[in-house]
C-alpha atoms as a PDB file:
ATOM      1  CA  UNK A   1     -63.012-183.024 -18.147  1.00  0.00           C
ATOM      2  CA  UNK A   2     -65.760-180.880 -19.549  1.00  0.00           C
ATOM      3  CA  UNK A   3     -65.057-177.709 -21.502  1.00  0.00           C
ATOM      4  CA  UNK A   4     -66.767-175.630 -18.804  1.00  0.00           C
ATOM      5  CA  UNK A   5     -64.504-177.041 -16.078  1.00  0.00           C
ATOM      6  CA  UNK A   6     -61.410-176.391 -18.195  1.00  0.00           C
ATOM      7  CA  UNK A   7     -62.451-172.794 -18.713  1.00  0.00           C
ATOM      8  CA  UNK A   8     -63.149-172.420 -14.985  1.00  0.00           C
ATOM      9  CA  UNK A   9     -59.750-173.898 -14.022  1.00  0.00           C
ATOM     10  CA  UNK A  10     -58.006-171.654 -16.540  1.00  0.00           C
ATOM     11  CA  UNK A  11     -59.769-168.623 -15.100  1.00  0.00           C
ATOM     12  CA  UNK A  12     -58.859-169.591 -11.543  1.00  0.00           C
ATOM     13  CA  UNK A  13     -55.214-170.136 -12.575  1.00  0.00           C
ATOM     14  CA  UNK A  14     -55.027-166.709 -14.180  1.00  0.00           C
ATOM     15  CA  UNK A  15     -56.523-165.120 -11.047  1.00  0.00           C
ATOM     16  CA  UNK A  16     -54.052-166.871  -8.724  1.00  0.00           C
ATOM     17  CA  UNK A  17     -51.024-165.973 -10.845  1.00  0.00           C
ATOM     18  CA  UNK A  18     -52.169-162.358 -11.064  1.00  0.00           C
ATOM     19  CA  UNK A  19     -53.002-162.135  -7.360  1.00  0.00           C
ATOM     20  CA  UNK A  20     -49.788-163.695  -6.057  1.00  0.00           C
ATOM     21  CA  UNK A  21     -47.207-162.689  -8.677  1.00  0.00           C
ATOM     22  CA  UNK A  22     -48.039-159.326 -10.212  1.00  0.00           C
ATOM     23  CA  UNK A  23     -46.592-156.127  -8.765  1.00  0.00           C
ATOM     24  CA  UNK A  24     -49.076-154.204  -6.683  1.00  0.00           C
ATOM     25  CA  UNK A  25     -48.791-150.423  -7.060  1.00  0.00           C
ATOM     26  CA  UNK A  26     -50.374-148.336  -4.338  1.00  0.00           C
ATOM     27  CA  UNK A  27     -51.775-144.843  -4.647  1.00  0.00           C
ATOM     28  CA  UNK A  28     -49.653-142.234  -2.889  1.00  0.00           C
ATOM     29  CA  UNK A  29     -51.240-140.105  -0.179  1.00  0.00           C
ATOM     30  CA  UNK A  30     -49.771-137.736   2.379  1.00  0.00           C
ATOM     31  CA  UNK A  31     -51.261-139.892   5.140  1.00  0.00           C
ATOM     32  CA  UNK A  32     -48.528-142.446   4.379  1.00  0.00           C
ATOM     33  CA  UNK A  33     -45.792-139.974   5.371  1.00  0.00           C
ATOM     34  CA  UNK A  34     -44.126-140.003   8.774  1.00  0.00           C
ATOM     35  CA  UNK A  35     -45.094-137.112  11.042  1.00  0.00           C
ATOM     36  CA  UNK A  36     -42.635-135.165  13.149  1.00  0.00           C
ATOM     37  CA  UNK A  37     -42.238-136.220  16.769  1.00  0.00           C
ATOM     38  CA  UNK A  38     -42.004-134.194  19.954  1.00  0.00           C
ATOM     39  CA  UNK A  39     -38.454-133.555  21.098  1.00  0.00           C
ATOM     40  CA  UNK A  40     -35.697-131.050  21.671  1.00  0.00           C
ATOM     41  CA  UNK A  41     -34.133-129.818  18.460  1.00  0.00           C
ATOM     42  CA  UNK A  42     -32.903-126.650  16.843  1.00  0.00           C
ATOM     43  CA  UNK A  43     -35.075-125.063  14.182  1.00  0.00           C
ATOM     44  CA  UNK A  44     -34.330-125.890  10.567  1.00  0.00           C
ATOM     45  CA  UNK A  45     -31.896-123.121   9.651  1.00  0.00           C
ATOM     46  CA  UNK A  46     -32.135-123.414   5.904  1.00  0.00           C
ATOM     47  CA  UNK A  47     -33.255-120.194   4.151  1.00  0.00           C
ATOM     48  CA  UNK A  48     -33.316-121.901   0.736  1.00  0.00           C
ATOM     49  CA  UNK A  49     -36.247-124.076   1.790  1.00  0.00           C
ATOM     50  CA  UNK A  50     -38.859-121.440   0.935  1.00  0.00           C
ATOM     51  CA  UNK A  51     -37.369-120.999  -2.513  1.00  0.00           C
ATOM     52  CA  UNK A  52     -37.147-124.763  -3.156  1.00  0.00           C
ATOM     53  CA  UNK A  53     -40.826-125.365  -2.345  1.00  0.00           C
ATOM     54  CA  UNK A  54     -42.131-122.204  -4.010  1.00  0.00           C
ATOM     55  CA  UNK A  55     -42.996-124.390  -7.022  1.00  0.00           C
ATOM     56  CA  UNK A  56     -44.314-127.986  -6.970  1.00  0.00           C
ATOM     57  CA  UNK A  57     -41.815-130.782  -6.357  1.00  0.00           C
ATOM     58  CA  UNK A  58     -41.914-133.678  -8.807  1.00  0.00           C
ATOM     59  CA  UNK A  59     -41.609-137.362  -7.930  1.00  0.00           C
ATOM     60  CA  UNK A  60     -38.240-138.979  -8.715  1.00  0.00           C
ATOM     61  CA  UNK A  61     -38.203-142.240  -6.772  1.00  0.00           C
ATOM     62  CA  UNK A  62     -39.449-144.385  -3.919  1.00  0.00           C
ATOM     63  CA  UNK A  63     -37.562-146.875  -1.769  1.00  0.00           C
ATOM     64  CA  UNK A  64     -38.549-149.131   1.074  1.00  0.00           C
ATOM     65  CA  UNK A  65     -38.395-146.383   3.692  1.00  0.00           C
ATOM     66  CA  UNK A  66     -38.616-143.057   1.878  1.00  0.00           C
ATOM     67  CA  UNK A  67     -40.022-141.249  -1.140  1.00  0.00           C
ATOM     68  CA  UNK A  68     -38.138-138.479  -2.928  1.00  0.00           C
ATOM     69  CA  UNK A  69     -39.253-135.369  -4.820  1.00  0.00           C
ATOM     70  CA  UNK A  70     -37.049-132.949  -6.767  1.00  0.00           C
ATOM     71  CA  UNK A  71     -37.256-129.187  -7.027  1.00  0.00           C
ATOM     72  CA  UNK A  72     -38.368-127.555 -10.263  1.00  0.00           C
ATOM     73  CA  UNK A  73     -34.775-126.579 -11.126  1.00  0.00           C
ATOM     74  CA  UNK A  74     -33.661-130.173 -10.453  1.00  0.00           C
ATOM     75  CA  UNK A  75     -30.971-129.025  -8.007  1.00  0.00           C
ATOM     76  CA  UNK A  76     -32.486-130.225  -4.740  1.00  0.00           C
ATOM     77  CA  UNK A  77     -34.299-133.238  -3.348  1.00  0.00           C
ATOM     78  CA  UNK A  78     -36.727-133.361  -0.448  1.00  0.00           C
ATOM     79  CA  UNK A  79     -37.101-136.833   0.951  1.00  0.00           C
ATOM     80  CA  UNK A  80     -40.076-137.847   3.107  1.00  0.00           C
ATOM     81  CA  UNK A  81     -40.230-140.985   5.205  1.00  0.00           C
ATOM     82  CA  UNK A  82     -42.904-143.626   4.937  1.00  0.00           C
ATOM     83  CA  UNK A  83     -45.045-145.198   7.636  1.00  0.00           C
ATOM     84  CA  UNK A  84     -46.193-147.779   5.091  1.00  0.00           C
ATOM     85  CA  UNK A  85     -44.785-149.048   1.824  1.00  0.00           C
ATOM     86  CA  UNK A  86     -46.158-147.532  -1.357  1.00  0.00           C
ATOM     87  CA  UNK A  87     -44.824-149.727  -4.151  1.00  0.00           C
ATOM     88  CA  UNK A  88     -44.155-153.372  -3.356  1.00  0.00           C
ATOM     89  CA  UNK A  89     -43.074-156.140  -5.709  1.00  0.00           C
ATOM     90  CA  UNK A  90     -44.428-159.491  -4.570  1.00  0.00           C
ATOM     91  CA  UNK A  91     -43.544-162.662  -6.445  1.00  0.00           C
ATOM     92  CA  UNK A  92     -44.984-166.072  -5.574  1.00  0.00           C
ATOM     93  CA  UNK A  93     -45.289-165.570  -1.828  1.00  0.00           C
ATOM     94  CA  UNK A  94     -48.912-166.371  -0.920  1.00  0.00           C
ATOM     95  CA  UNK A  95     -48.576-165.551   2.780  1.00  0.00           C
ATOM     96  CA  UNK A  96     -46.924-162.180   2.079  1.00  0.00           C
ATOM     97  CA  UNK A  97     -49.509-161.346  -0.562  1.00  0.00           C
ATOM     98  CA  UNK A  98     -52.368-162.136   1.823  1.00  0.00           C
ATOM     99  CA  UNK A  99     -50.759-159.977   4.507  1.00  0.00           C
ATOM    100  CA  UNK A 100     -50.407-157.238   1.923  1.00  0.00           C
ATOM    101  CA  UNK A 101     -54.074-157.531   1.016  1.00  0.00           C
ATOM    102  CA  UNK A 102     -55.094-157.005   4.644  1.00  0.00           C
ATOM    103  CA  UNK A 103     -52.627-154.155   5.190  1.00  0.00           C
ATOM    104  CA  UNK A 104     -50.179-156.042   7.391  1.00  0.00           C
ATOM    105  CA  UNK A 105     -47.200-156.289   5.041  1.00  0.00           C
ATOM    106  CA  UNK A 106     -46.752-152.562   4.522  1.00  0.00           C
ATOM    107  CA  UNK A 107     -45.872-151.382   8.032  1.00  0.00           C
ATOM    108  CA  UNK A 108     -42.388-149.888   8.401  1.00  0.00           C
ATOM    109  CA  UNK A 109     -40.868-150.221  11.862  1.00  0.00           C
ATOM    110  CA  UNK A 110     -37.494-148.543  11.303  1.00  0.00           C
ATOM    111  CA  UNK A 111     -38.430-144.932  10.525  1.00  0.00           C
ATOM    112  CA  UNK A 112     -37.093-143.429  13.749  1.00  0.00           C
ATOM    113  CA  UNK A 113     -33.806-145.303  13.418  1.00  0.00           C
ATOM    114  CA  UNK A 114     -33.453-144.149   9.824  1.00  0.00           C
ATOM    115  CA  UNK A 115     -34.135-140.511  10.736  1.00  0.00           C
ATOM    116  CA  UNK A 116     -31.480-140.688  13.442  1.00  0.00           C
ATOM    117  CA  UNK A 117     -28.986-141.907  10.844  1.00  0.00           C
ATOM    118  CA  UNK A 118     -29.770-138.936   8.643  1.00  0.00           C
ATOM    119  CA  UNK A 119     -29.228-136.598  11.591  1.00  0.00           C
ATOM    120  CA  UNK A 120     -25.833-138.190  12.190  1.00  0.00           C
ATOM    121  CA  UNK A 121     -25.067-137.931   8.490  1.00  0.00           C
ATOM    122  CA  UNK A 122     -25.839-134.196   8.452  1.00  0.00           C
ATOM    123  CA  UNK A 123     -23.675-133.669  11.543  1.00  0.00           C
ATOM    124  CA  UNK A 124     -20.655-135.776  10.585  1.00  0.00           C
ATOM    125  CA  UNK A 125     -20.893-136.276   6.802  1.00  0.00           C
ATOM    126  CA  UNK A 126     -22.504-133.236   5.127  1.00  0.00           C
ATOM    127  CA  UNK A 127     -20.126-133.360   2.135  1.00  0.00           C
ATOM    128  CA  UNK A 128     -20.280-137.130   1.705  1.00  0.00           C
ATOM    129  CA  UNK A 129     -24.104-137.266   1.901  1.00  0.00           C
ATOM    130  CA  UNK A 130     -24.900-133.857   0.302  1.00  0.00           C
ATOM    131  CA  UNK A 131     -27.362-133.299   3.140  1.00  0.00           C
ATOM    132  CA  UNK A 132     -28.458-129.716   3.744  1.00  0.00           C
ATOM    133  CA  UNK A 133     -31.169-130.077   6.395  1.00  0.00           C
ATOM    134  CA  UNK A 134     -32.930-132.678   8.521  1.00  0.00           C
ATOM    135  CA  UNK A 135     -36.295-131.895  10.095  1.00  0.00           C
ATOM    136  CA  UNK A 136     -37.247-134.670  12.507  1.00  0.00           C
ATOM    137  CA  UNK A 137     -38.799-132.856  15.484  1.00  0.00           C
ATOM    138  CA  UNK A 138     -41.570-130.318  15.792  1.00  0.00           C
ATOM    139  CA  UNK A 139     -40.027-126.874  15.995  1.00  0.00           C
ATOM    140  CA  UNK A 140     -41.190-123.360  16.793  1.00  0.00           C
ATOM    141  CA  UNK A 141     -40.148-121.872  13.480  1.00  0.00           C
ATOM    142  CA  UNK A 142     -42.956-121.934  10.913  1.00  0.00           C
ATOM    143  CA  UNK A 143     -42.073-123.894   7.808  1.00  0.00           C
ATOM    144  CA  UNK A 144     -43.785-123.504   4.418  1.00  0.00           C
ATOM    145  CA  UNK A 145     -46.493-125.558   2.762  1.00  0.00           C
ATOM    146  CA  UNK A 146     -45.357-127.392  -0.355  1.00  0.00           C
ATOM    147  CA  UNK A 147     -46.999-129.154  -3.288  1.00  0.00           C
ATOM    148  CA  UNK A 148     -45.958-132.637  -4.382  1.00  0.00           C
ATOM    149  CA  UNK A 149     -46.593-134.207  -7.781  1.00  0.00           C
ATOM    150  CA  UNK A 150     -46.794-137.980  -7.288  1.00  0.00           C
ATOM    151  CA  UNK A 151     -45.871-140.776  -9.713  1.00  0.00           C
ATOM    152  CA  UNK A 152     -49.345-140.590 -11.267  1.00  0.00           C
ATOM    153  CA  UNK A 153     -49.240-136.822 -11.784  1.00  0.00           C
ATOM    154  CA  UNK A 154     -51.658-136.026  -8.934  1.00  0.00           C
ATOM    155  CA  UNK A 155     -51.038-132.960  -6.747  1.00  0.00           C
ATOM    156  CA  UNK A 156     -50.769-133.127  -2.944  1.00  0.00           C
ATOM    157  CA  UNK A 157     -50.414-130.195  -0.548  1.00  0.00           C
ATOM    158  CA  UNK A 158     -48.296-131.051   2.510  1.00  0.00           C
ATOM    159  CA  UNK A 159     -47.373-129.068   5.604  1.00  0.00           C
ATOM    160  CA  UNK A 160     -43.629-129.238   6.340  1.00  0.00           C
ATOM    161  CA  UNK A 161     -44.366-128.291   9.959  1.00  0.00           C
ATOM    162  CA  UNK A 162     -46.046-131.660  10.399  1.00  0.00           C
ATOM    163  CA  UNK A 163     -43.867-134.069   8.408  1.00  0.00           C
ATOM    164  CA  UNK A 164     -40.359-135.413   8.917  1.00  0.00           C
ATOM    165  CA  UNK A 165     -38.104-134.726   5.925  1.00  0.00           C
ATOM    166  CA  UNK A 166     -34.544-134.162   4.763  1.00  0.00           C
ATOM    167  CA  UNK A 167     -33.148-131.867   2.081  1.00  0.00           C
ATOM    168  CA  UNK A 168     -30.243-132.939  -0.125  1.00  0.00           C
ATOM    169  CA  UNK A 169     -28.517-131.629  -3.199  1.00  0.00           C
ATOM    170  CA  UNK A 170     -29.611-133.632  -6.230  1.00  0.00           C
ATOM    171  CA  UNK A 171     -26.927-136.000  -7.493  1.00  0.00           C
ATOM    172  CA  UNK A 172     -26.804-138.439 -10.419  1.00  0.00           C
ATOM    173  CA  UNK A 173     -27.525-141.952  -9.147  1.00  0.00           C
ATOM    174  CA  UNK A 174     -24.996-144.391 -10.623  1.00  0.00           C
ATOM    175  CA  UNK A 175     -27.510-147.174 -11.306  1.00  0.00           C
ATOM    176  CA  UNK A 176     -28.599-147.001 -14.923  1.00  0.00           C
ATOM    177  CA  UNK A 177     -26.839-143.717 -15.658  1.00  0.00           C
ATOM    178  CA  UNK A 178     -23.225-144.742 -16.273  1.00  0.00           C
ATOM    179  CA  UNK A 179     -21.529-147.177 -18.625  1.00  0.00           C
ATOM    180  CA  UNK A 180     -19.158-149.840 -17.294  1.00  0.00           C
ATOM    181  CA  UNK A 181     -16.143-147.939 -18.593  1.00  0.00           C
ATOM    182  CA  UNK A 182     -17.364-144.784 -16.848  1.00  0.00           C
ATOM    183  CA  UNK A 183     -17.873-146.715 -13.610  1.00  0.00           C
ATOM    184  CA  UNK A 184     -14.319-148.065 -13.824  1.00  0.00           C
ATOM    185  CA  UNK A 185     -13.017-144.514 -14.079  1.00  0.00           C
ATOM    186  CA  UNK A 186     -15.066-143.603 -10.983  1.00  0.00           C
ATOM    187  CA  UNK A 187     -13.397-146.271  -8.824  1.00  0.00           C
ATOM    188  CA  UNK A 188     -10.900-143.880  -7.222  1.00  0.00           C
ATOM    189  CA  UNK A 189     -13.709-141.439  -6.389  1.00  0.00           C
ATOM    190  CA  UNK A 190     -15.681-144.146  -4.626  1.00  0.00           C
ATOM    191  CA  UNK A 191     -12.568-145.291  -2.792  1.00  0.00           C
ATOM    192  CA  UNK A 192     -12.153-141.716  -1.521  1.00  0.00           C
ATOM    193  CA  UNK A 193     -15.767-141.790  -0.313  1.00  0.00           C
ATOM    194  CA  UNK A 194     -15.212-145.111   1.490  1.00  0.00           C
ATOM    195  CA  UNK A 195     -12.093-143.729   3.180  1.00  0.00           C
ATOM    196  CA  UNK A 196     -14.085-140.711   4.385  1.00  0.00           C
ATOM    197  CA  UNK A 197     -16.985-142.831   5.705  1.00  0.00           C
ATOM    198  CA  UNK A 198     -14.754-145.236   7.600  1.00  0.00           C
ATOM    199  CA  UNK A 199     -12.354-142.612   8.934  1.00  0.00           C
ATOM    200  CA  UNK A 200     -15.284-140.715  10.431  1.00  0.00           C
ATOM    201  CA  UNK A 201     -16.576-143.804  12.241  1.00  0.00           C
ATOM    202  CA  UNK A 202     -19.374-145.020   9.964  1.00  0.00           C
ATOM    203  CA  UNK A 203     -20.286-148.568   8.980  1.00  0.00           C
ATOM    204  CA  UNK A 204     -22.584-149.562   6.132  1.00  0.00           C
ATOM    205  CA  UNK A 205     -24.772-152.366   7.515  1.00  0.00           C
ATOM    206  CA  UNK A 206     -25.959-153.387   4.053  1.00  0.00           C
ATOM    207  CA  UNK A 207     -24.522-156.810   3.078  1.00  0.00           C
ATOM    208  CA  UNK A 208     -23.774-155.595  -0.461  1.00  0.00           C
ATOM    209  CA  UNK A 209     -22.990-152.544  -2.555  1.00  0.00           C
ATOM    210  CA  UNK A 210     -26.348-151.039  -3.487  1.00  0.00           C
ATOM    211  CA  UNK A 211     -25.933-148.835  -6.572  1.00  0.00           C
ATOM    212  CA  UNK A 212     -29.255-147.103  -5.804  1.00  0.00           C
ATOM    213  CA  UNK A 213     -27.673-145.564  -2.706  1.00  0.00           C
ATOM    214  CA  UNK A 214     -24.681-143.915  -4.375  1.00  0.00           C
ATOM    215  CA  UNK A 215     -24.372-141.042  -6.819  1.00  0.00           C
ATOM    216  CA  UNK A 216     -22.037-138.552  -8.455  1.00  0.00           C
ATOM    217  CA  UNK A 217     -22.220-134.817  -7.886  1.00  0.00           C
ATOM    218  CA  UNK A 218     -19.709-132.384  -9.359  1.00  0.00           C
ATOM    219  CA  UNK A 219     -17.231-135.174 -10.127  1.00  0.00           C
ATOM    220  CA  UNK A 220     -17.401-136.518  -6.561  1.00  0.00           C
ATOM    221  CA  UNK A 221     -18.878-139.788  -5.261  1.00  0.00           C
ATOM    222  CA  UNK A 222     -21.545-139.373  -2.564  1.00  0.00           C
ATOM    223  CA  UNK A 223     -23.917-141.565  -0.560  1.00  0.00           C
ATOM    224  CA  UNK A 224     -27.510-140.387  -0.871  1.00  0.00           C
ATOM    225  CA  UNK A 225     -29.409-143.119   1.008  1.00  0.00           C
ATOM    226  CA  UNK A 226     -28.358-143.473   4.648  1.00  0.00           C
ATOM    227  CA  UNK A 227     -30.863-146.121   5.687  1.00  0.00           C
ATOM    228  CA  UNK A 228     -28.118-148.667   6.466  1.00  0.00           C
ATOM    229  CA  UNK A 229     -25.341-146.291   7.519  1.00  0.00           C
ATOM    230  CA  UNK A 230     -24.558-146.542  11.239  1.00  0.00           C
ATOM    231  CA  UNK A 231     -22.191-144.505  13.399  1.00  0.00           C
ATOM    232  CA  UNK A 232     -20.097-147.279  14.966  1.00  0.00           C
ATOM    233  CA  UNK A 233     -16.536-145.987  15.456  1.00  0.00           C
ATOM    234  CA  UNK A 234     -15.501-149.154  17.283  1.00  0.00           C
ATOM    235  CA  UNK A 235     -16.157-151.217  14.135  1.00  0.00           C
ATOM    236  CA  UNK A 236     -15.051-148.747  11.504  1.00  0.00           C
ATOM    237  CA  UNK A 237     -11.747-147.328  10.306  1.00  0.00           C
ATOM    238  CA  UNK A 238      -9.443-149.484   8.168  1.00  0.00           C
ATOM    239  CA  UNK A 239     -11.581-152.654   8.322  1.00  0.00           C
ATOM    240  CA  UNK A 240     -14.691-150.863   7.034  1.00  0.00           C
ATOM    241  CA  UNK A 241     -12.745-149.097   4.293  1.00  0.00           C
ATOM    242  CA  UNK A 242     -11.406-152.427   2.985  1.00  0.00           C
ATOM    243  CA  UNK A 243     -14.861-154.010   3.115  1.00  0.00           C
ATOM    244  CA  UNK A 244     -16.519-151.180   1.174  1.00  0.00           C
ATOM    245  CA  UNK A 245     -13.816-151.169  -1.490  1.00  0.00           C
ATOM    246  CA  UNK A 246     -14.126-154.934  -1.891  1.00  0.00           C
ATOM    247  CA  UNK A 247     -17.923-154.753  -2.270  1.00  0.00           C
ATOM    248  CA  UNK A 248     -17.659-152.046  -4.893  1.00  0.00           C
ATOM    249  CA  UNK A 249     -15.043-154.059  -6.811  1.00  0.00           C
ATOM    250  CA  UNK A 250     -17.198-157.212  -6.681  1.00  0.00           C
ATOM    251  CA  UNK A 251     -20.228-155.260  -7.915  1.00  0.00           C
ATOM    252  CA  UNK A 252     -18.216-153.744 -10.748  1.00  0.00           C
ATOM    253  CA  UNK A 253     -16.818-157.132 -11.823  1.00  0.00           C
ATOM    254  CA  UNK A 254     -20.337-158.482 -12.226  1.00  0.00           C
ATOM    255  CA  UNK A 255     -21.072-155.704 -14.702  1.00  0.00           C
ATOM    256  CA  UNK A 256     -17.978-156.395 -16.841  1.00  0.00           C
END
């Protein structure tokens, strides 16, 4: 094989590996955020909102369905919901990568379901989810404009009258912030959380314990991501409590 062909094949190989395997990071824009929908709902009765958004909110994390920004004092989080994915890790999956290239792999079809779960969480589990407000529907009360600082440091002005969002107290996510010995000492606190979730009729549809979804606030375990939490009283209670405890124990054992 000639030297030129070898160089060409090497170049093609590098391109294919890069195209199909390397993480693709998207630019954030407010057009990716889920708008409010028409419906009957009470106005957001949360006087602290104006104070929270009086200074720019800084980016703290992005999941599959939502993106979160923290207040300047780091006490509150405003979470917006995504119509399309922003940051997607794609390994060697040619079909998925091609769909991603043509904008077909980013669509999120579960936003409305997720927002409903947050509404239920605010109603039934305000202490366990540290939720303070959920704004899903267009309301008559005028809400403020706020400024977001994205993961690249760019500023975006967004109108809270137009976008669906939730407000939570900021808690310390357990993933990456606690040692194994500290997590062992937190076991009883998480068991108390699982008892509360199950006794109030909730089921976590996730097949595993996701440490990104749980946090500690003021020495209490809380659930901050409700994307998989469903109000299903007929399936909850003692069975759900046992399942959640078992998943947490299995997750903790893997870290030992």
